[in-house]
Amino acid sequence: MFSRILSGSKRSFDSLSEQEILALAISSEEEDARIYQSYADGLREDYPASAAVFDGMVKEENEHRRRLIDLHVQRFGDHVPLIRREHVRGFYTRKADWLVRPLGVDNVRKQAVAMEEQAHRFYLQAAERANDASTRKLLGDLALAESSHMSLAAQMTDAIADSGEIDEEAETEKRAFILTYVQPGLAGLIDGSISTLAPVFAAAFATRDTWETFLIGFAASIGAGISMGFTEALSDDGKLTGRGSPIKRGFASGIMTTVGGLGHALPYLITDFWTATFTAGIVVVFELWAIAWIQNRYMETPFLRSALQIVFGGALVLAAGILIGSA
């Protein structure tokens, strides 16, 4: 009793009766079926092949639940006690399906394998606790079933891969990632890295004051980040263009714009003007290299061509800033 109080309202697994173990198994199968159904519904539009995998998992879990209920009715009657995973101390828990979103294909497949592995261990422990022969047999059978289901997702994935649908899904997922994060982020990085060159270096050569230059660069970066973020978020809702959530795109664009501007503004925290300016120039080179690398990596733009375009544009803005500041 004292340990029950210390552990709150949770019970230890060893304290559960056979009826409570069956009730726990029933509620666990119900919850797993709901999670798999959510996965299937969430993937159906963009990844129909993977949705079919989880539709099959739902049928399997519902069949397990039916067999468990039949055994419970046979042994203990129609009333099933309400006992869930969260009522048992040290018992595994499931991550709510809305916490797994966005539903990446690989993410939910890995989650399904982990769920089946946990269920397999539960049925093994439950079978060891059971004294009734029919209960022990069913729990042992379900342990074997869950063990085979651990490879079900992989087996079905292999079958779908033979038809080429998995490659199509992977391409769809990659395209969604690029449209939602990479393109807006790249646009922000270009804007922040290049457009702020002129005000930062103009202020630097006009004032020769590193602190004032930093403040101007900091303000320009924050302002540009907010502006780009709102511009991207308000440009379209993503429903017709397929570019994804406007909020995600806005954050990607705004954050990368700010990062791009702050990169060559932060060196002006150095008090020596020429040291700060030289350091800022090195940072600019790395910024332009990063832009060219991203374009090459995700947009398949030849690296040399991308680098020449970015360097040319950056050099023009930088030269304009220095000339204006030195006038």
C-alpha atoms as a PDB file:
ATOM      1  CA  MET A   1       0.000   0.000   0.000  1.00  0.00           C
ATOM      2  CA  PHE A   2       2.812   2.414   0.906  1.00  0.00           C
ATOM      3  CA  SER A   3       4.550   1.789  -2.448  1.00  0.00           C
ATOM      4  CA  ARG A   4       1.225   2.366  -4.217  1.00  0.00           C
ATOM      5  CA  ILE A   5       0.991   5.817  -2.617  1.00  0.00           C
ATOM      6  CA  LEU A   6       4.597   6.703  -3.485  1.00  0.00           C
ATOM      7  CA  SER A   7       4.065   5.789  -7.135  1.00  0.00           C
ATOM      8  CA  GLY A   8       0.848   7.762  -7.430  1.00  0.00           C
ATOM      9  CA  SER A   9      -2.030   6.023  -9.214  1.00  0.00           C
ATOM     10  CA  LYS A  10       0.159   3.632 -11.209  1.00  0.00           C
ATOM     11  CA  ARG A  11       0.339  -0.105 -10.684  1.00  0.00           C
ATOM     12  CA  SER A  12       3.335  -2.336 -11.187  1.00  0.00           C
ATOM     13  CA  PHE A  13       3.036  -4.884 -13.965  1.00  0.00           C
ATOM     14  CA  ASP A  14       3.665  -7.735 -11.519  1.00  0.00           C
ATOM     15  CA  SER A  15       0.611  -6.705  -9.481  1.00  0.00           C
ATOM     16  CA  LEU A  16      -1.819  -7.113 -12.398  1.00  0.00           C
ATOM     17  CA  SER A  17      -4.223 -10.045 -12.460  1.00  0.00           C
ATOM     18  CA  GLU A  18      -4.725 -12.120 -15.597  1.00  0.00           C
ATOM     19  CA  GLN A  19      -7.976 -10.242 -16.276  1.00  0.00           C
ATOM     20  CA  GLU A  20      -6.163  -6.910 -15.983  1.00  0.00           C
ATOM     21  CA  ILE A  21      -3.374  -8.131 -18.264  1.00  0.00           C
ATOM     22  CA  LEU A  22      -5.962  -9.040 -20.898  1.00  0.00           C
ATOM     23  CA  ALA A  23      -7.678  -5.669 -20.440  1.00  0.00           C
ATOM     24  CA  LEU A  24      -4.324  -3.913 -20.837  1.00  0.00           C
ATOM     25  CA  ALA A  25      -3.620  -5.901 -24.008  1.00  0.00           C
ATOM     26  CA  ILE A  26      -7.051  -4.996 -25.437  1.00  0.00           C
ATOM     27  CA  SER A  27      -6.611  -1.271 -24.823  1.00  0.00           C
ATOM     28  CA  SER A  28      -3.061  -1.398 -26.215  1.00  0.00           C
ATOM     29  CA  GLU A  29      -4.228  -3.050 -29.441  1.00  0.00           C
ATOM     30  CA  GLU A  30      -7.018  -0.458 -29.776  1.00  0.00           C
ATOM     31  CA  GLU A  31      -4.553   2.406 -29.342  1.00  0.00           C
ATOM     32  CA  ASP A  32      -2.052   0.937 -31.794  1.00  0.00           C
ATOM     33  CA  ALA A  33      -4.801   0.457 -34.392  1.00  0.00           C
ATOM     34  CA  ARG A  34      -5.835   4.112 -34.020  1.00  0.00           C
ATOM     35  CA  ILE A  35      -2.233   5.270 -34.408  1.00  0.00           C
ATOM     36  CA  TYR A  36      -1.717   3.159 -37.537  1.00  0.00           C
ATOM     37  CA  GLN A  37      -4.993   4.471 -38.958  1.00  0.00           C
ATOM     38  CA  SER A  38      -3.807   8.043 -38.363  1.00  0.00           C
ATOM     39  CA  TYR A  39      -0.555   7.237 -40.132  1.00  0.00           C
ATOM     40  CA  ALA A  40      -2.450   5.744 -43.075  1.00  0.00           C
ATOM     41  CA  ASP A  41      -4.812   8.720 -43.358  1.00  0.00           C
ATOM     42  CA  GLY A  42      -1.948  11.204 -43.072  1.00  0.00           C
ATOM     43  CA  LEU A  43       0.107   9.492 -45.782  1.00  0.00           C
ATOM     44  CA  ARG A  44      -2.686   8.536 -48.166  1.00  0.00           C
ATOM     45  CA  GLU A  45      -2.679  11.638 -50.378  1.00  0.00           C
ATOM     46  CA  ASP A  46       1.065  11.890 -51.020  1.00  0.00           C
ATOM     47  CA  TYR A  47       2.237   8.330 -50.226  1.00  0.00           C
ATOM     48  CA  PRO A  48      -0.577   5.899 -51.155  1.00  0.00           C
ATOM     49  CA  ALA A  49       1.699   2.846 -51.170  1.00  0.00           C
ATOM     50  CA  SER A  50       2.864   3.437 -47.601  1.00  0.00           C
ATOM     51  CA  ALA A  51      -0.716   4.212 -46.553  1.00  0.00           C
ATOM     52  CA  ALA A  52      -1.654   0.742 -47.772  1.00  0.00           C
ATOM     53  CA  VAL A  53       1.060  -0.715 -45.502  1.00  0.00           C
ATOM     54  CA  PHE A  54      -0.528   0.883 -42.462  1.00  0.00           C
ATOM     55  CA  ASP A  55      -4.045  -0.095 -43.550  1.00  0.00           C
ATOM     56  CA  GLY A  56      -2.797  -3.678 -43.354  1.00  0.00           C
ATOM     57  CA  MET A  57      -1.338  -3.038 -39.899  1.00  0.00           C
ATOM     58  CA  VAL A  58      -4.719  -1.690 -38.722  1.00  0.00           C
ATOM     59  CA  LYS A  59      -6.427  -4.928 -39.805  1.00  0.00           C
ATOM     60  CA  GLU A  60      -3.839  -7.001 -37.941  1.00  0.00           C
ATOM     61  CA  GLU A  61      -4.242  -4.996 -34.719  1.00  0.00           C
ATOM     62  CA  ASN A  62      -8.045  -5.212 -34.907  1.00  0.00           C
ATOM     63  CA  GLU A  63      -7.817  -8.993 -35.317  1.00  0.00           C
ATOM     64  CA  HIS A  64      -5.586  -9.217 -32.232  1.00  0.00           C
ATOM     65  CA  ARG A  65      -8.067  -7.109 -30.275  1.00  0.00           C
ATOM     66  CA  ARG A  66     -10.956  -9.356 -31.362  1.00  0.00           C
ATOM     67  CA  ARG A  67      -9.164 -12.511 -30.207  1.00  0.00           C
ATOM     68  CA  LEU A  68      -8.292 -10.927 -26.872  1.00  0.00           C
ATOM     69  CA  ILE A  69     -11.865  -9.779 -26.286  1.00  0.00           C
ATOM     70  CA  ASP A  70     -13.215 -13.228 -27.143  1.00  0.00           C
ATOM     71  CA  LEU A  71     -10.902 -14.788 -24.576  1.00  0.00           C
ATOM     72  CA  HIS A  72     -11.839 -12.179 -21.963  1.00  0.00           C
ATOM     73  CA  VAL A  73     -15.558 -12.810 -22.487  1.00  0.00           C
ATOM     74  CA  GLN A  74     -14.992 -16.550 -22.240  1.00  0.00           C
ATOM     75  CA  ARG A  75     -13.047 -16.328 -18.979  1.00  0.00           C
ATOM     76  CA  PHE A  76     -14.226 -13.187 -17.186  1.00  0.00           C
ATOM     77  CA  GLY A  77     -17.443 -11.997 -18.832  1.00  0.00           C
ATOM     78  CA  ASP A  78     -18.424  -8.986 -20.899  1.00  0.00           C
ATOM     79  CA  HIS A  79     -17.112  -6.212 -18.655  1.00  0.00           C
ATOM     80  CA  VAL A  80     -13.513  -5.246 -19.568  1.00  0.00           C
ATOM     81  CA  PRO A  81     -11.747  -3.212 -16.848  1.00  0.00           C
ATOM     82  CA  LEU A  82     -10.404   0.156 -17.977  1.00  0.00           C
ATOM     83  CA  ILE A  83      -6.642  -0.142 -17.739  1.00  0.00           C
ATOM     84  CA  ARG A  84      -4.202   1.516 -20.096  1.00  0.00           C
ATOM     85  CA  ARG A  85      -0.462   1.780 -20.567  1.00  0.00           C
ATOM     86  CA  GLU A  86      -0.233   5.008 -18.587  1.00  0.00           C
ATOM     87  CA  HIS A  87      -1.780   3.218 -15.592  1.00  0.00           C
ATOM     88  CA  VAL A  88       1.144   0.777 -15.314  1.00  0.00           C
ATOM     89  CA  ARG A  89       4.442   1.851 -13.804  1.00  0.00           C
ATOM     90  CA  GLY A  90       7.437   1.444 -16.105  1.00  0.00           C
ATOM     91  CA  PHE A  91       5.254   0.368 -19.034  1.00  0.00           C
ATOM     92  CA  TYR A  92       6.134   1.588 -22.527  1.00  0.00           C
ATOM     93  CA  THR A  93       4.237   4.543 -23.912  1.00  0.00           C
ATOM     94  CA  ARG A  94       3.268   5.559 -27.408  1.00  0.00           C
ATOM     95  CA  LYS A  95       4.079   8.924 -28.976  1.00  0.00           C
ATOM     96  CA  ALA A  96       0.834  10.580 -30.059  1.00  0.00           C
ATOM     97  CA  ASP A  97       0.504  10.612 -33.841  1.00  0.00           C
ATOM     98  CA  TRP A  98       0.234  14.415 -33.904  1.00  0.00           C
ATOM     99  CA  LEU A  99       3.682  14.603 -32.269  1.00  0.00           C
ATOM    100  CA  VAL A 100       5.170  12.617 -35.147  1.00  0.00           C
ATOM    101  CA  ARG A 101       3.987  15.132 -37.738  1.00  0.00           C
ATOM    102  CA  PRO A 102       4.965  16.035 -40.338  1.00  0.00           C
ATOM    103  CA  LEU A 103       4.522  12.394 -41.311  1.00  0.00           C
ATOM    104  CA  GLY A 104       7.768  11.563 -43.058  1.00  0.00           C
ATOM    105  CA  VAL A 105       7.623   8.123 -44.639  1.00  0.00           C
ATOM    106  CA  ASP A 106      10.803   6.807 -43.044  1.00  0.00           C
ATOM    107  CA  ASN A 107       9.828   8.315 -39.699  1.00  0.00           C
ATOM    108  CA  VAL A 108       6.519   6.493 -39.389  1.00  0.00           C
ATOM    109  CA  ARG A 109       7.941   3.211 -40.688  1.00  0.00           C
ATOM    110  CA  LYS A 110      10.608   3.297 -37.975  1.00  0.00           C
ATOM    111  CA  GLN A 111       7.935   4.188 -35.428  1.00  0.00           C
ATOM    112  CA  ALA A 112       5.868   1.179 -36.518  1.00  0.00           C
ATOM    113  CA  VAL A 113       8.812  -1.198 -36.112  1.00  0.00           C
ATOM    114  CA  ALA A 114       9.461   0.172 -32.606  1.00  0.00           C
ATOM    115  CA  MET A 115       5.777  -0.237 -31.696  1.00  0.00           C
ATOM    116  CA  GLU A 116       5.718  -3.864 -32.788  1.00  0.00           C
ATOM    117  CA  GLU A 117       8.940  -4.623 -30.916  1.00  0.00           C
ATOM    118  CA  GLN A 118       7.492  -3.166 -27.703  1.00  0.00           C
ATOM    119  CA  ALA A 119       4.274  -5.155 -28.159  1.00  0.00           C
ATOM    120  CA  HIS A 120       6.316  -8.326 -28.702  1.00  0.00           C
ATOM    121  CA  ARG A 121       8.121  -7.845 -25.372  1.00  0.00           C
ATOM    122  CA  PHE A 122       4.838  -7.135 -23.592  1.00  0.00           C
ATOM    123  CA  TYR A 123       3.215 -10.357 -24.791  1.00  0.00           C
ATOM    124  CA  LEU A 124       6.263 -12.388 -23.796  1.00  0.00           C
ATOM    125  CA  GLN A 125       6.124 -10.998 -20.262  1.00  0.00           C
ATOM    126  CA  ALA A 126       2.351 -11.402 -20.106  1.00  0.00           C
ATOM    127  CA  ALA A 127       2.557 -15.026 -21.240  1.00  0.00           C
ATOM    128  CA  GLU A 128       5.031 -15.773 -18.457  1.00  0.00           C
ATOM    129  CA  ARG A 129       2.540 -14.397 -15.915  1.00  0.00           C
ATOM    130  CA  ALA A 130      -0.450 -16.372 -17.185  1.00  0.00           C
ATOM    131  CA  ASN A 131      -1.468 -19.617 -15.462  1.00  0.00           C
ATOM    132  CA  ASP A 132      -4.482 -20.470 -17.579  1.00  0.00           C
ATOM    133  CA  ALA A 133      -3.512 -22.603 -20.550  1.00  0.00           C
ATOM    134  CA  SER A 134      -5.764 -20.850 -23.098  1.00  0.00           C
ATOM    135  CA  THR A 135      -4.590 -17.414 -21.973  1.00  0.00           C
ATOM    136  CA  ARG A 136      -0.955 -18.439 -22.053  1.00  0.00           C
ATOM    137  CA  LYS A 137      -1.395 -19.914 -25.522  1.00  0.00           C
ATOM    138  CA  LEU A 138      -3.055 -16.785 -26.941  1.00  0.00           C
ATOM    139  CA  LEU A 139      -0.498 -14.425 -25.438  1.00  0.00           C
ATOM    140  CA  GLY A 140       2.317 -16.594 -26.765  1.00  0.00           C
ATOM    141  CA  ASP A 141       0.722 -16.659 -30.216  1.00  0.00           C
ATOM    142  CA  LEU A 142       0.389 -12.861 -30.170  1.00  0.00           C
ATOM    143  CA  ALA A 143       4.041 -12.527 -29.127  1.00  0.00           C
ATOM    144  CA  LEU A 144       5.019 -14.569 -32.181  1.00  0.00           C
ATOM    145  CA  ALA A 145       2.663 -12.519 -34.348  1.00  0.00           C
ATOM    146  CA  GLU A 146       4.144  -9.231 -33.152  1.00  0.00           C
ATOM    147  CA  SER A 147       7.638 -10.620 -33.745  1.00  0.00           C
ATOM    148  CA  SER A 148       6.758 -11.400 -37.337  1.00  0.00           C
ATOM    149  CA  HIS A 149       5.105  -7.994 -37.682  1.00  0.00           C
ATOM    150  CA  MET A 150       8.380  -6.274 -36.826  1.00  0.00           C
ATOM    151  CA  SER A 151       9.489  -7.203 -40.324  1.00  0.00           C
ATOM    152  CA  LEU A 152       6.042  -6.662 -41.877  1.00  0.00           C
ATOM    153  CA  ALA A 153       6.677  -3.019 -42.701  1.00  0.00           C
ATOM    154  CA  ALA A 154      10.052  -3.900 -44.211  1.00  0.00           C
ATOM    155  CA  GLN A 155       8.573  -6.820 -46.162  1.00  0.00           C
ATOM    156  CA  MET A 156       5.713  -4.740 -47.520  1.00  0.00           C
ATOM    157  CA  THR A 157       8.137  -1.912 -48.252  1.00  0.00           C
ATOM    158  CA  ASP A 158      10.278  -4.305 -50.305  1.00  0.00           C
ATOM    159  CA  ALA A 159       7.200  -5.445 -52.208  1.00  0.00           C
ATOM    160  CA  ILE A 160       6.192  -1.877 -52.940  1.00  0.00           C
ATOM    161  CA  ALA A 161       9.772  -1.002 -53.893  1.00  0.00           C
ATOM    162  CA  ASP A 162       9.652  -3.647 -56.630  1.00  0.00           C
ATOM    163  CA  SER A 163       6.859  -1.640 -58.248  1.00  0.00           C
ATOM    164  CA  GLY A 164       8.850   1.591 -58.062  1.00  0.00           C
ATOM    165  CA  GLU A 165       6.292   3.336 -55.827  1.00  0.00           C
ATOM    166  CA  ILE A 166       8.766   3.816 -52.965  1.00  0.00           C
ATOM    167  CA  ASP A 167      11.110   5.713 -55.276  1.00  0.00           C
ATOM    168  CA  GLU A 168       8.216   7.932 -56.267  1.00  0.00           C
ATOM    169  CA  GLU A 169       7.345   8.547 -52.611  1.00  0.00           C
ATOM    170  CA  ALA A 170      10.945   9.393 -51.760  1.00  0.00           C
ATOM    171  CA  GLU A 171      11.035  11.846 -54.653  1.00  0.00           C
ATOM    172  CA  THR A 172       7.769  13.415 -53.489  1.00  0.00           C
ATOM    173  CA  GLU A 173       9.083  13.775 -49.944  1.00  0.00           C
ATOM    174  CA  LYS A 174      12.334  15.330 -51.189  1.00  0.00           C
ATOM    175  CA  ARG A 175      10.422  17.770 -53.381  1.00  0.00           C
ATOM    176  CA  ALA A 176       8.190  18.798 -50.473  1.00  0.00           C
ATOM    177  CA  PHE A 177      11.272  19.396 -48.287  1.00  0.00           C
ATOM    178  CA  ILE A 178      12.888  21.556 -50.951  1.00  0.00           C
ATOM    179  CA  LEU A 179       9.746  23.598 -51.603  1.00  0.00           C
ATOM    180  CA  THR A 180       8.946  24.128 -47.925  1.00  0.00           C
ATOM    181  CA  TYR A 181      12.396  24.669 -46.408  1.00  0.00           C
ATOM    182  CA  VAL A 182      15.247  24.828 -48.911  1.00  0.00           C
ATOM    183  CA  GLN A 183      13.877  27.298 -51.466  1.00  0.00           C
ATOM    184  CA  PRO A 184      12.583  29.859 -48.915  1.00  0.00           C
ATOM    185  CA  GLY A 185      15.696  29.421 -46.774  1.00  0.00           C
ATOM    186  CA  LEU A 186      18.001  29.835 -49.755  1.00  0.00           C
ATOM    187  CA  ALA A 187      16.156  32.966 -50.891  1.00  0.00           C
ATOM    188  CA  GLY A 188      16.507  34.353 -47.376  1.00  0.00           C
ATOM    189  CA  LEU A 189      20.203  33.489 -47.156  1.00  0.00           C
ATOM    190  CA  ILE A 190      20.885  35.181 -50.499  1.00  0.00           C
ATOM    191  CA  ASP A 191      18.942  38.272 -49.494  1.00  0.00           C
ATOM    192  CA  GLY A 192      20.522  38.495 -46.054  1.00  0.00           C
ATOM    193  CA  SER A 193      24.051  37.780 -47.217  1.00  0.00           C
ATOM    194  CA  ILE A 194      24.094  40.046 -50.271  1.00  0.00           C
ATOM    195  CA  SER A 195      21.593  42.861 -49.717  1.00  0.00           C
ATOM    196  CA  THR A 196      23.064  43.786 -46.330  1.00  0.00           C
ATOM    197  CA  LEU A 197      26.604  44.025 -47.693  1.00  0.00           C
ATOM    198  CA  ALA A 198      26.022  47.567 -48.930  1.00  0.00           C
ATOM    199  CA  PRO A 199      24.674  49.100 -45.686  1.00  0.00           C
ATOM    200  CA  VAL A 200      27.178  47.285 -43.481  1.00  0.00           C
ATOM    201  CA  PHE A 201      30.305  48.186 -45.443  1.00  0.00           C
ATOM    202  CA  ALA A 202      29.010  51.658 -46.295  1.00  0.00           C
ATOM    203  CA  ALA A 203      28.561  52.328 -42.573  1.00  0.00           C
ATOM    204  CA  ALA A 204      31.960  50.813 -41.831  1.00  0.00           C
ATOM    205  CA  PHE A 205      33.911  53.019 -44.271  1.00  0.00           C
ATOM    206  CA  ALA A 206      31.801  56.093 -43.563  1.00  0.00           C
ATOM    207  CA  THR A 207      32.142  56.017 -39.768  1.00  0.00           C
ATOM    208  CA  ARG A 208      35.236  53.850 -39.143  1.00  0.00           C
ATOM    209  CA  ASP A 209      33.371  53.013 -35.908  1.00  0.00           C
ATOM    210  CA  THR A 210      33.004  49.261 -35.402  1.00  0.00           C
ATOM    211  CA  TRP A 211      30.244  49.510 -32.784  1.00  0.00           C
ATOM    212  CA  GLU A 212      28.053  51.756 -34.915  1.00  0.00           C
ATOM    213  CA  THR A 213      28.697  49.502 -37.890  1.00  0.00           C
ATOM    214  CA  PHE A 214      27.605  46.497 -35.870  1.00  0.00           C
ATOM    215  CA  LEU A 215      24.404  48.234 -34.745  1.00  0.00           C
ATOM    216  CA  ILE A 216      23.540  49.176 -38.334  1.00  0.00           C
ATOM    217  CA  GLY A 217      24.271  45.641 -39.558  1.00  0.00           C
ATOM    218  CA  PHE A 218      22.318  44.102 -36.687  1.00  0.00           C
ATOM    219  CA  ALA A 219      19.292  46.322 -37.342  1.00  0.00           C
ATOM    220  CA  ALA A 220      19.457  45.667 -41.097  1.00  0.00           C
ATOM    221  CA  SER A 221      19.634  41.890 -40.541  1.00  0.00           C
ATOM    222  CA  ILE A 222      16.721  41.771 -38.106  1.00  0.00           C
ATOM    223  CA  GLY A 223      14.610  44.068 -40.268  1.00  0.00           C
ATOM    224  CA  ALA A 224      15.369  42.116 -43.415  1.00  0.00           C
ATOM    225  CA  GLY A 225      14.592  38.830 -41.647  1.00  0.00           C
ATOM    226  CA  ILE A 226      11.191  40.031 -40.457  1.00  0.00           C
ATOM    227  CA  SER A 227      10.381  41.492 -43.873  1.00  0.00           C
ATOM    228  CA  MET A 228      11.405  38.357 -45.794  1.00  0.00           C
ATOM    229  CA  GLY A 229       9.600  36.101 -43.333  1.00  0.00           C
ATOM    230  CA  PHE A 230       6.314  37.947 -43.707  1.00  0.00           C
ATOM    231  CA  THR A 231       6.735  38.256 -47.461  1.00  0.00           C
ATOM    232  CA  GLU A 232       7.236  34.520 -47.866  1.00  0.00           C
ATOM    233  CA  ALA A 233       4.415  33.576 -45.490  1.00  0.00           C
ATOM    234  CA  LEU A 234       1.930  35.907 -47.161  1.00  0.00           C
ATOM    235  CA  SER A 235       2.934  35.111 -50.750  1.00  0.00           C
ATOM    236  CA  ASP A 236       0.677  32.031 -50.972  1.00  0.00           C
ATOM    237  CA  ASP A 237      -0.934  29.465 -48.683  1.00  0.00           C
ATOM    238  CA  GLY A 238       0.775  26.554 -50.426  1.00  0.00           C
ATOM    239  CA  LYS A 239      -2.456  24.753 -51.309  1.00  0.00           C
ATOM    240  CA  LEU A 240      -2.324  25.363 -55.034  1.00  0.00           C
ATOM    241  CA  THR A 241       1.452  25.556 -55.455  1.00  0.00           C
ATOM    242  CA  GLY A 242       2.205  22.595 -53.188  1.00  0.00           C
ATOM    243  CA  ARG A 243       4.899  24.594 -51.407  1.00  0.00           C
ATOM    244  CA  GLY A 244       3.781  23.532 -47.939  1.00  0.00           C
ATOM    245  CA  SER A 245       2.887  25.458 -44.809  1.00  0.00           C
ATOM    246  CA  PRO A 246       3.301  29.242 -45.187  1.00  0.00           C
ATOM    247  CA  ILE A 247       4.349  29.487 -41.534  1.00  0.00           C
ATOM    248  CA  LYS A 248       7.193  27.007 -42.024  1.00  0.00           C
ATOM    249  CA  ARG A 249       8.293  28.751 -45.205  1.00  0.00           C
ATOM    250  CA  GLY A 250       8.128  32.134 -43.483  1.00  0.00           C
ATOM    251  CA  PHE A 251      10.282  30.989 -40.593  1.00  0.00           C
ATOM    252  CA  ALA A 252      12.796  29.336 -42.939  1.00  0.00           C
ATOM    253  CA  SER A 253      13.118  32.489 -45.032  1.00  0.00           C
ATOM    254  CA  GLY A 254      13.170  34.916 -42.105  1.00  0.00           C
ATOM    255  CA  ILE A 255      15.687  32.998 -40.027  1.00  0.00           C
ATOM    256  CA  MET A 256      18.100  32.432 -42.910  1.00  0.00           C
ATOM    257  CA  THR A 257      17.842  36.093 -43.953  1.00  0.00           C
ATOM    258  CA  THR A 258      18.804  37.163 -40.448  1.00  0.00           C
ATOM    259  CA  VAL A 259      21.639  34.625 -40.297  1.00  0.00           C
ATOM    260  CA  GLY A 260      22.985  35.814 -43.657  1.00  0.00           C
ATOM    261  CA  GLY A 261      23.077  39.438 -42.527  1.00  0.00           C
ATOM    262  CA  LEU A 262      24.465  38.784 -39.064  1.00  0.00           C
ATOM    263  CA  GLY A 263      27.334  36.756 -40.482  1.00  0.00           C
ATOM    264  CA  HIS A 264      29.280  39.803 -41.666  1.00  0.00           C
ATOM    265  CA  ALA A 265      27.866  42.168 -39.022  1.00  0.00           C
ATOM    266  CA  LEU A 266      29.104  40.239 -35.989  1.00  0.00           C
ATOM    267  CA  PRO A 267      32.835  40.710 -36.815  1.00  0.00           C
ATOM    268  CA  TYR A 268      32.366  44.416 -36.108  1.00  0.00           C
ATOM    269  CA  LEU A 269      32.137  43.589 -32.434  1.00  0.00           C
ATOM    270  CA  ILE A 270      35.931  43.560 -32.791  1.00  0.00           C
ATOM    271  CA  THR A 271      37.176  47.001 -31.796  1.00  0.00           C
ATOM    272  CA  ASP A 272      39.968  47.287 -34.363  1.00  0.00           C
ATOM    273  CA  PHE A 273      38.459  48.512 -37.625  1.00  0.00           C
ATOM    274  CA  TRP A 274      40.732  46.762 -40.116  1.00  0.00           C
ATOM    275  CA  THR A 275      40.733  43.477 -38.187  1.00  0.00           C
ATOM    276  CA  ALA A 276      36.947  43.565 -38.062  1.00  0.00           C
ATOM    277  CA  THR A 277      36.676  44.438 -41.759  1.00  0.00           C
ATOM    278  CA  PHE A 278      39.120  41.707 -42.805  1.00  0.00           C
ATOM    279  CA  THR A 279      37.226  39.157 -40.688  1.00  0.00           C
ATOM    280  CA  ALA A 280      33.910  40.297 -42.170  1.00  0.00           C
ATOM    281  CA  GLY A 281      35.352  39.853 -45.659  1.00  0.00           C
ATOM    282  CA  ILE A 282      36.342  36.242 -44.858  1.00  0.00           C
ATOM    283  CA  VAL A 283      32.836  35.582 -43.532  1.00  0.00           C
ATOM    284  CA  VAL A 284      31.352  36.964 -46.749  1.00  0.00           C
ATOM    285  CA  VAL A 285      33.422  34.472 -48.756  1.00  0.00           C
ATOM    286  CA  PHE A 286      32.074  31.584 -46.661  1.00  0.00           C
ATOM    287  CA  GLU A 287      28.514  32.898 -46.999  1.00  0.00           C
ATOM    288  CA  LEU A 288      28.771  33.043 -50.771  1.00  0.00           C
ATOM    289  CA  TRP A 289      30.345  29.574 -50.855  1.00  0.00           C
ATOM    290  CA  ALA A 290      27.469  28.204 -48.715  1.00  0.00           C
ATOM    291  CA  ILE A 291      24.902  29.680 -51.116  1.00  0.00           C
ATOM    292  CA  ALA A 292      26.633  28.119 -54.115  1.00  0.00           C
ATOM    293  CA  TRP A 293      26.866  24.738 -52.313  1.00  0.00           C
ATOM    294  CA  ILE A 294      23.150  24.727 -51.437  1.00  0.00           C
ATOM    295  CA  GLN A 295      22.206  25.581 -55.010  1.00  0.00           C
ATOM    296  CA  ASN A 296      24.410  22.773 -56.266  1.00  0.00           C
ATOM    297  CA  ARG A 297      23.208  20.275 -53.637  1.00  0.00           C
ATOM    298  CA  TYR A 298      19.463  20.833 -53.809  1.00  0.00           C
ATOM    299  CA  MET A 299      18.783  22.780 -57.012  1.00  0.00           C
ATOM    300  CA  GLU A 300      21.272  20.811 -59.126  1.00  0.00           C
ATOM    301  CA  THR A 301      22.867  24.033 -60.336  1.00  0.00           C
ATOM    302  CA  PRO A 302      26.473  23.498 -61.479  1.00  0.00           C
ATOM    303  CA  PHE A 303      28.690  24.661 -58.622  1.00  0.00           C
ATOM    304  CA  LEU A 304      31.030  26.765 -60.761  1.00  0.00           C
ATOM    305  CA  ARG A 305      28.205  28.586 -62.498  1.00  0.00           C
ATOM    306  CA  SER A 306      26.420  29.189 -59.206  1.00  0.00           C
ATOM    307  CA  ALA A 307      29.610  30.427 -57.549  1.00  0.00           C
ATOM    308  CA  LEU A 308      30.359  32.840 -60.387  1.00  0.00           C
ATOM    309  CA  GLN A 309      26.831  34.257 -60.306  1.00  0.00           C
ATOM    310  CA  ILE A 310      26.807  34.685 -56.535  1.00  0.00           C
ATOM    311  CA  VAL A 311      30.327  36.131 -56.375  1.00  0.00           C
ATOM    312  CA  PHE A 312      29.571  38.578 -59.189  1.00  0.00           C
ATOM    313  CA  GLY A 313      26.385  39.802 -57.523  1.00  0.00           C
ATOM    314  CA  GLY A 314      28.009  39.975 -54.106  1.00  0.00           C
ATOM    315  CA  ALA A 315      31.033  41.839 -55.462  1.00  0.00           C
ATOM    316  CA  LEU A 316      28.796  44.489 -57.062  1.00  0.00           C
ATOM    317  CA  VAL A 317      26.876  45.092 -53.819  1.00  0.00           C
ATOM    318  CA  LEU A 318      30.059  45.086 -51.743  1.00  0.00           C
ATOM    319  CA  ALA A 319      31.760  47.544 -54.076  1.00  0.00           C
ATOM    320  CA  ALA A 320      28.710  49.813 -53.998  1.00  0.00           C
ATOM    321  CA  GLY A 321      28.753  49.848 -50.216  1.00  0.00           C
ATOM    322  CA  ILE A 322      32.473  50.627 -49.975  1.00  0.00           C
ATOM    323  CA  LEU A 323      32.298  53.377 -52.614  1.00  0.00           C
ATOM    324  CA  ILE A 324      29.289  55.013 -50.960  1.00  0.00           C
ATOM    325  CA  GLY A 325      30.869  54.799 -47.529  1.00  0.00           C
ATOM    326  CA  SER A 326      34.160  56.211 -48.767  1.00  0.00           C
ATOM    327  CA  ALA A 327      32.577  59.160 -50.621  1.00  0.00           C
END
